[in-house]
């Protein structure tokens, strides 16, 4: 797994934002599929403008897991802070009452 992450980091130096998003989407899918308690893993580009990628999976066929991912092509602190604030704002807007339906928030950048 470490080799894959290093490879992605090295490749990201030469890629544009869309290519980086696609690579992160592939890596997220690969990692989630390795988790034995997750079934029916789906990772796809979000139709929502507030975030870039969404992942959905079933946990032991009992409950669903949802991950919301914001991808930034630049990992400089000012861009990461802005993206983190964006995800926190989104979290406040979503206000999910049921604990089983609350999404996890992920920020990805090279």
Protein backbone atom coordinates (compact mmCIF):
# COMPACT_ATOMS: atom_id res chain seq x y z
CA UNK A 1 0.00 0.00 0.00
CA UNK A 2 2.81 2.44 0.77
CA UNK A 3 4.30 1.97 -2.71
CA UNK A 4 0.97 2.89 -4.28
CA UNK A 5 0.71 6.05 -2.24
CA UNK A 6 4.29 7.08 -3.10
CA UNK A 7 3.62 6.40 -6.77
CA UNK A 8 0.51 8.57 -6.67
CA UNK A 9 2.40 11.41 -4.97
CA UNK A 10 5.15 11.28 -7.60
CA UNK A 11 2.66 11.17 -10.46
CA UNK A 12 0.63 14.09 -9.05
CA UNK A 13 3.48 16.54 -9.64
CA UNK A 14 2.73 16.40 -13.39
CA UNK A 15 -1.08 16.20 -13.40
CA UNK A 16 -3.94 18.68 -13.63
CA UNK A 17 -6.88 18.91 -11.20
CA UNK A 18 -9.16 16.50 -13.06
CA UNK A 19 -6.46 13.86 -13.33
CA UNK A 20 -5.62 14.22 -9.64
CA UNK A 21 -9.29 13.82 -8.73
CA UNK A 22 -9.51 10.66 -10.84
CA UNK A 23 -6.38 9.17 -9.22
CA UNK A 24 -7.67 9.92 -5.73
CA UNK A 25 -11.02 8.38 -6.65
CA UNK A 26 -9.23 5.19 -7.81
CA UNK A 27 -7.07 5.05 -4.67
CA UNK A 28 -10.06 5.58 -2.38
CA UNK A 29 -11.89 2.73 -4.10
CA UNK A 30 -8.82 0.47 -3.85
CA UNK A 31 -8.37 1.20 -0.14
CA UNK A 32 -12.05 0.78 0.76
CA UNK A 33 -12.27 -2.51 -1.13
CA UNK A 34 -9.48 -3.84 1.11
CA UNK A 35 -11.55 -3.31 4.26
CA UNK A 36 -13.13 -6.71 5.01
CA UNK A 37 -16.29 -5.38 6.71
CA UNK A 38 -17.24 -3.20 3.73
CA UNK A 39 -19.43 -4.55 0.93
CA UNK A 40 -20.76 -3.03 -2.29
CA UNK A 41 -18.20 -0.22 -2.32
CA UNK A 42 -18.94 2.54 -4.82
CA UNK A 43 -16.78 5.61 -5.39
CA UNK A 44 -17.92 8.21 -7.88
CA UNK A 45 -17.67 11.84 -8.89
CA UNK A 46 -20.18 13.92 -6.99
CA UNK A 47 -22.94 15.83 -8.72
CA UNK A 48 -22.96 18.19 -5.73
CA UNK A 49 -20.88 21.35 -6.24
CA UNK A 50 -19.77 21.52 -2.60
CA UNK A 51 -17.51 18.44 -2.84
CA UNK A 52 -15.76 16.36 -5.51
CA UNK A 53 -16.03 12.65 -4.67
CA UNK A 54 -18.52 10.53 -2.79
CA UNK A 55 -18.05 6.96 -1.58
CA UNK A 56 -20.80 4.65 -0.38
CA UNK A 57 -20.45 1.17 1.10
CA UNK A 58 -22.38 -1.25 3.29
CA UNK A 59 -20.88 -2.11 6.66
CA UNK A 60 -21.46 -5.82 7.32
CA UNK A 61 -24.75 -5.46 5.42
CA UNK A 62 -26.15 -3.71 8.52
CA UNK A 63 -25.66 0.00 7.86
CA UNK A 64 -24.27 2.19 5.14
CA UNK A 65 -21.10 4.24 5.17
CA UNK A 66 -20.84 7.51 3.27
CA UNK A 67 -17.64 9.44 2.67
CA UNK A 68 -17.63 12.94 1.23
CA UNK A 69 -14.29 13.96 -0.25
CA UNK A 70 -13.00 17.33 -1.33
CA UNK A 71 -9.97 17.18 -3.64
CA UNK A 72 -7.45 19.98 -4.01
CA UNK A 73 -4.73 19.93 -6.65
CA UNK A 74 -2.49 22.09 -4.47
CA UNK A 75 -1.56 21.02 -0.94
CA UNK A 76 -0.38 24.43 0.23
CA UNK A 77 -1.72 25.31 3.70
CA UNK A 78 -3.87 28.26 2.53
CA UNK A 79 -5.75 26.01 0.07
CA UNK A 80 -6.11 23.21 2.61
CA UNK A 81 -7.47 25.61 5.25
CA UNK A 82 -10.03 26.92 2.76
CA UNK A 83 -11.08 23.38 1.78
CA UNK A 84 -11.33 22.32 5.43
CA UNK A 85 -13.54 25.32 6.18
CA UNK A 86 -15.68 24.39 3.17
CA UNK A 87 -16.15 20.84 4.50
CA UNK A 88 -17.00 22.13 7.99
CA UNK A 89 -19.58 24.45 6.49
CA UNK A 90 -21.04 21.56 4.51
CA UNK A 91 -21.17 19.45 7.67
CA UNK A 92 -23.15 22.17 9.46
CA UNK A 93 -25.57 22.47 6.52
CA UNK A 94 -26.22 18.72 6.31
CA UNK A 95 -27.47 18.33 9.92
CA UNK A 96 -28.14 14.57 9.96
CA UNK A 97 -29.93 13.41 13.12
CA UNK A 98 -29.43 9.66 12.74
CA UNK A 99 -25.88 8.64 13.76
CA UNK A 100 -25.88 5.80 11.19
CA UNK A 101 -26.45 8.25 8.34
CA UNK A 102 -23.77 10.80 9.25
CA UNK A 103 -21.09 10.98 6.56
CA UNK A 104 -17.35 11.04 7.10
CA UNK A 105 -15.52 13.99 5.59
CA UNK A 106 -12.21 13.58 3.78
CA UNK A 107 -9.83 16.16 2.35
CA UNK A 108 -7.34 14.93 -0.26
CA UNK A 109 -4.42 16.79 -1.80
CA UNK A 110 -0.94 15.94 -3.08
